[in-house]
């Protein structure tokens, strides 16, 4: 069930997610965000790696398991659509409740920052997974031709 195709594309997407997270984490906005929400830097990097792998596995699995049910014609578009759905779910189920239940006095401000950060990380993950799947499908097509 968890084939090397799923793991390969998931890990590529997770790596992209983590690199984008690292780049964002070096910005002053991210530093202020971490300080306001008392987020430690090194644990945040570890959590981003774990989260990237989890989201990457979910997107890769859905892309390979249900390709005909995902809107789009090309693996990149399909993976982007799946990652966008994950972004909506993460925002609605995790980020929004977390920000409004936190002790911060500006929950909408921090929800906006979290949403932008997640949009960059999660959609990049989806695009990379789609690209990996597209290349893999191209190689499979040449082998069978």
Protein backbone atom coordinates (compact mmCIF):
# COMPACT_ATOMS: atom_id res chain seq x y z
CA UNK A 1 0.00 0.00 0.00
CA UNK A 2 2.79 2.47 0.87
CA UNK A 3 4.84 1.96 -2.27
CA UNK A 4 8.17 3.51 -3.09
CA UNK A 5 6.28 5.82 -5.51
CA UNK A 6 4.29 7.25 -2.61
CA UNK A 7 7.34 7.59 -0.37
CA UNK A 8 9.53 9.05 -3.12
CA UNK A 9 7.13 11.81 -4.09
CA UNK A 10 6.12 12.42 -0.45
CA UNK A 11 9.73 12.88 0.67
CA UNK A 12 10.47 15.19 -2.27
CA UNK A 13 7.44 17.29 -1.35
CA UNK A 14 8.36 17.22 2.34
CA UNK A 15 11.88 18.40 1.53
CA UNK A 16 10.46 21.31 -0.47
CA UNK A 17 8.07 22.11 2.40
CA UNK A 18 10.96 22.13 4.87
CA UNK A 19 13.23 24.27 2.69
CA UNK A 20 10.46 26.85 2.22
CA UNK A 21 9.84 26.74 5.97
CA UNK A 22 13.55 27.32 6.65
CA UNK A 23 13.67 30.27 4.24
CA UNK A 24 10.55 31.83 5.78
CA UNK A 25 11.86 31.24 9.30
CA UNK A 26 14.80 33.55 8.60
CA UNK A 27 12.54 36.56 7.96
CA UNK A 28 11.75 39.24 10.55
CA UNK A 29 8.01 38.54 10.20
CA UNK A 30 8.57 34.89 11.14
CA UNK A 31 10.78 35.90 14.07
CA UNK A 32 8.05 38.21 15.39
CA UNK A 33 5.45 35.48 14.86
CA UNK A 34 7.51 32.92 16.78
CA UNK A 35 8.16 35.39 19.60
CA UNK A 36 4.47 36.35 19.90
CA UNK A 37 3.37 32.72 20.04
CA UNK A 38 6.36 31.47 22.09
CA UNK A 39 7.52 29.06 19.39
CA UNK A 40 11.06 27.73 19.83
CA UNK A 41 13.18 27.72 16.67
CA UNK A 42 14.75 24.22 16.62
CA UNK A 43 11.58 22.35 17.70
CA UNK A 44 9.70 24.33 15.01
CA UNK A 45 12.14 23.05 12.36
CA UNK A 46 11.65 19.46 13.57
CA UNK A 47 7.86 19.89 13.61
CA UNK A 48 8.00 21.29 10.06
CA UNK A 49 9.89 18.20 8.91
CA UNK A 50 7.34 15.88 10.52
CA UNK A 51 4.41 17.93 9.22
CA UNK A 52 5.88 18.02 5.72
CA UNK A 53 6.25 14.25 5.69
CA UNK A 54 2.68 13.75 6.94
CA UNK A 55 1.19 16.16 4.40
CA UNK A 56 3.44 14.77 1.66
CA UNK A 57 2.29 11.23 2.37
CA UNK A 58 -1.35 12.31 2.35
CA UNK A 59 -1.08 14.19 -0.96
CA UNK A 60 1.04 11.48 -2.63
CA UNK A 61 -1.26 8.70 -1.46
CA UNK A 62 -4.40 10.48 -2.66
CA UNK A 63 -2.76 11.35 -5.98
CA UNK A 64 -1.72 7.76 -6.62
CA UNK A 65 -4.78 6.07 -5.11
CA UNK A 66 -7.52 8.23 -6.63
CA UNK A 67 -6.06 9.92 -9.72
CA UNK A 68 -9.36 9.95 -11.60
CA UNK A 69 -11.22 11.62 -8.72
CA UNK A 70 -8.81 14.54 -8.36
CA UNK A 71 -9.67 17.48 -10.61
CA UNK A 72 -7.16 18.33 -13.31
CA UNK A 73 -5.50 16.73 -16.30
CA UNK A 74 -1.87 16.76 -15.27
CA UNK A 75 -0.21 15.42 -12.08
CA UNK A 76 1.09 18.91 -11.19
CA UNK A 77 -2.40 20.41 -11.30
CA UNK A 78 -3.89 17.47 -9.44
CA UNK A 79 -1.25 17.63 -6.70
CA UNK A 80 -1.72 21.40 -6.45
CA UNK A 81 -5.49 20.88 -6.04
CA UNK A 82 -4.90 18.30 -3.30
CA UNK A 83 -2.40 20.52 -1.50
CA UNK A 84 -4.83 23.45 -1.70
CA UNK A 85 -7.51 21.27 -0.08
CA UNK A 86 -5.01 20.40 2.68
CA UNK A 87 -4.27 24.12 3.12
CA UNK A 88 -7.97 24.85 3.59
CA UNK A 89 -8.32 22.00 6.09
CA UNK A 90 -5.23 23.02 8.08
CA UNK A 91 -6.41 26.62 8.20
CA UNK A 92 -9.97 25.76 9.26
CA UNK A 93 -9.23 22.89 11.63
CA UNK A 94 -5.88 23.80 13.19
CA UNK A 95 -4.78 27.39 12.60
CA UNK A 96 -8.03 29.31 13.10
CA UNK A 97 -9.02 27.59 16.37
CA UNK A 98 -5.44 27.76 17.60
CA UNK A 99 -5.12 31.48 16.99
CA UNK A 100 -8.51 32.39 18.44
CA UNK A 101 -7.93 30.26 21.54
CA UNK A 102 -4.37 31.52 22.12
CA UNK A 103 -3.44 34.22 24.58
CA UNK A 104 -2.47 36.67 21.84
CA UNK A 105 -4.38 39.93 21.53
CA UNK A 106 -4.29 39.93 17.70
CA UNK A 107 -5.60 36.55 16.54
CA UNK A 108 -6.57 37.71 13.02
CA UNK A 109 -3.11 39.17 12.46
CA UNK A 110 -1.40 35.92 13.43
CA UNK A 111 -3.94 33.81 11.53
CA UNK A 112 -3.13 35.79 8.39
CA UNK A 113 0.61 35.26 8.89
CA UNK A 114 0.11 31.53 9.53
CA UNK A 115 -2.09 31.22 6.46
CA UNK A 116 0.47 32.90 4.20
CA UNK A 117 3.28 30.74 5.60
CA UNK A 118 1.21 27.59 5.14
CA UNK A 119 0.13 28.63 1.65
CA UNK A 120 3.77 28.95 0.62
CA UNK A 121 4.85 25.71 2.28
CA UNK A 122 1.91 23.47 1.38
CA UNK A 123 1.41 24.58 -2.21
CA UNK A 124 5.13 24.22 -2.89
CA UNK A 125 4.92 20.69 -1.48
CA UNK A 126 2.03 19.96 -3.85
CA UNK A 127 3.81 21.38 -6.89
CA UNK A 128 6.94 19.33 -6.20
CA UNK A 129 4.92 16.15 -5.68
CA UNK A 130 3.10 16.81 -8.94
CA UNK A 131 6.37 17.40 -10.76
CA UNK A 132 7.88 14.18 -9.37
CA UNK A 133 4.75 12.21 -10.34
CA UNK A 134 4.76 13.81 -13.79
CA UNK A 135 8.38 12.81 -14.39
CA UNK A 136 7.69 9.33 -13.08
CA UNK A 137 4.67 8.95 -15.36
CA UNK A 138 6.80 10.15 -18.29
CA UNK A 139 9.44 7.51 -17.60
CA UNK A 140 6.77 4.80 -17.27
CA UNK A 141 5.28 5.90 -20.60
CA UNK A 142 8.67 5.66 -22.36
CA UNK A 143 9.37 2.23 -20.89
CA UNK A 144 6.05 0.79 -22.08
CA UNK A 145 6.18 2.40 -25.55
